Amino acid sequence: MTTAQTTLAVTLSLVLLPLGLAKIAAVPFMRQAAAHLGMSTGLYRVVGTLEIAGAAGLLLGLASAPLGVAAAAGLALLMVAAVVVHLRQGDPPVRALPAAVLAVAAVAYAGMALAAG
């Protein structure tokens, strides 16, 4: 495990954990975001649960590389889906940019973990 992998896993987790928790708690901002995207609060809670599971998987991946790669792959797919949902909703591309950056970061983590063996 390299320092870059550890830094990326921790950074991604620190970004995704609070977002996931806010979705699960259905704080007002997240309820508004769900409504804007045409999602029910229940579905948004599922998304939050997936974000938390992915973040936990990245952290556990520091001890088990295959788990970290699987978590990163799942997060990358989740974030690509978020980009698609934003764009289909008519949001300007800049609104989808955070999800795109997180997807790229997750792919980078998976690539580093696979390269490290």
Protein backbone atom coordinates (compact mmCIF):
# COMPACT_ATOMS: atom_id res chain seq x y z
CA MET A 1 0.00 0.00 0.00
CA THR A 2 1.48 3.29 -1.07
CA THR A 3 1.08 6.64 0.63
CA ALA A 4 -0.82 7.90 -2.43
CA GLN A 5 -3.32 5.03 -2.16
CA THR A 6 -3.82 5.63 1.53
CA THR A 7 -4.25 9.36 1.01
CA LEU A 8 -6.74 8.84 -1.81
CA ALA A 9 -8.76 6.24 0.15
CA VAL A 10 -8.94 8.46 3.23
CA THR A 11 -9.77 11.58 1.21
CA LEU A 12 -12.53 9.86 -0.73
CA SER A 13 -13.95 8.45 2.50
CA LEU A 14 -13.87 11.85 4.20
CA VAL A 15 -15.85 13.30 1.29
CA LEU A 16 -18.34 10.46 0.90
CA LEU A 17 -19.12 9.62 4.54
CA PRO A 18 -20.71 12.97 5.47
CA LEU A 19 -22.59 13.12 2.16
CA GLY A 20 -23.93 9.61 2.66
CA LEU A 21 -24.91 10.32 6.26
CA ALA A 22 -26.71 13.52 5.21
CA LYS A 23 -28.66 11.58 2.58
CA ILE A 24 -29.64 8.87 5.07
CA ALA A 25 -30.65 11.50 7.64
CA ALA A 26 -32.65 13.26 4.91
CA VAL A 27 -31.46 16.68 5.99
CA PRO A 28 -33.40 19.46 4.25
CA PHE A 29 -30.67 20.19 1.69
CA MET A 30 -30.56 16.53 0.67
CA ARG A 31 -34.35 16.29 0.46
CA GLN A 32 -34.29 19.29 -1.88
CA ALA A 33 -31.51 17.70 -3.95
CA ALA A 34 -33.46 14.44 -4.20
CA ALA A 35 -36.59 16.28 -5.32
CA HIS A 36 -34.59 18.28 -7.87
CA LEU A 37 -33.21 15.05 -9.32
CA GLY A 38 -36.62 13.41 -9.39
CA MET A 39 -35.81 10.89 -6.67
CA SER A 40 -37.78 9.92 -3.62
CA THR A 41 -36.20 10.44 -0.22
CA GLY A 42 -36.15 6.66 0.17
CA LEU A 43 -34.14 6.19 -3.00
CA TYR A 44 -31.78 8.98 -1.97
CA ARG A 45 -31.25 7.15 1.34
CA VAL A 46 -30.26 4.06 -0.64
CA VAL A 47 -27.72 6.18 -2.53
CA GLY A 48 -26.39 7.46 0.81
CA THR A 49 -26.09 3.91 2.10
CA LEU A 50 -24.11 2.93 -1.00
CA GLU A 51 -21.81 5.92 -0.51
CA ILE A 52 -21.15 4.93 3.10
CA ALA A 53 -20.59 1.30 2.16
CA GLY A 54 -18.17 2.37 -0.57
CA ALA A 55 -16.26 4.66 1.78
CA ALA A 56 -16.03 1.91 4.38
CA GLY A 57 -14.87 -0.51 1.69
CA LEU A 58 -12.11 1.89 0.67
CA LEU A 59 -10.90 2.12 4.25
CA LEU A 60 -11.07 -1.65 4.69
CA GLY A 61 -9.25 -1.90 1.38
CA LEU A 62 -6.20 -0.49 3.11
CA ALA A 63 -5.91 -3.93 4.71
CA SER A 64 -7.43 -6.00 1.90
CA ALA A 65 -6.63 -4.75 -1.60
CA PRO A 66 -9.36 -6.77 -3.39
CA LEU A 67 -12.01 -5.24 -1.13
CA GLY A 68 -10.69 -1.75 -1.81
CA VAL A 69 -10.71 -2.35 -5.57
CA ALA A 70 -14.29 -3.65 -5.42
CA ALA A 71 -15.39 -0.66 -3.34
CA ALA A 72 -13.66 1.76 -5.71
CA ALA A 73 -15.31 0.12 -8.73
CA GLY A 74 -18.72 0.36 -7.08
CA LEU A 75 -18.17 4.00 -6.17
CA ALA A 76 -16.99 4.83 -9.68
CA LEU A 77 -20.20 3.32 -11.11
CA LEU A 78 -22.31 5.16 -8.53
CA MET A 79 -20.65 8.47 -9.38
CA VAL A 80 -20.99 7.93 -13.14
CA ALA A 81 -24.69 7.29 -12.52
CA ALA A 82 -24.83 10.56 -10.56
CA VAL A 83 -23.29 12.42 -13.51
CA VAL A 84 -25.86 10.91 -15.86
CA VAL A 85 -28.75 11.80 -13.55
CA HIS A 86 -27.58 15.40 -13.24
CA LEU A 87 -27.17 15.82 -16.98
CA ARG A 88 -30.50 14.14 -17.79
CA GLN A 89 -32.17 16.48 -15.32
CA GLY A 90 -30.85 19.39 -17.36
CA ASP A 91 -28.26 20.55 -14.85
CA PRO A 92 -25.30 22.40 -16.30
CA PRO A 93 -22.19 20.20 -16.55
CA VAL A 94 -20.57 22.05 -13.66
CA ARG A 95 -23.24 20.56 -11.33
CA ALA A 96 -22.12 17.08 -12.38
CA LEU A 97 -18.43 17.88 -12.00
CA PRO A 98 -18.04 16.82 -8.33
CA ALA A 99 -19.45 13.37 -9.10
CA ALA A 100 -17.19 13.11 -12.17
CA VAL A 101 -14.12 14.02 -10.11
CA LEU A 102 -15.06 11.42 -7.47
CA ALA A 103 -15.50 8.80 -10.20
CA VAL A 104 -12.05 9.55 -11.62
CA ALA A 105 -10.52 9.46 -8.14
CA ALA A 106 -12.13 6.08 -7.44
CA VAL A 107 -10.81 4.69 -10.74
CA ALA A 108 -7.36 6.08 -9.92
CA TYR A 109 -7.44 4.35 -6.53
CA ALA A 110 -8.45 1.04 -8.13
CA GLY A 111 -5.72 1.39 -10.72
CA MET A 112 -3.07 2.07 -8.09
CA ALA A 113 -4.27 -0.85 -5.97
CA LEU A 114 -4.20 -3.21 -8.95
CA ALA A 115 -0.77 -2.01 -10.04
CA ALA A 116 0.60 -2.53 -6.54
CA GLY A 117 -0.54 -6.14 -6.72
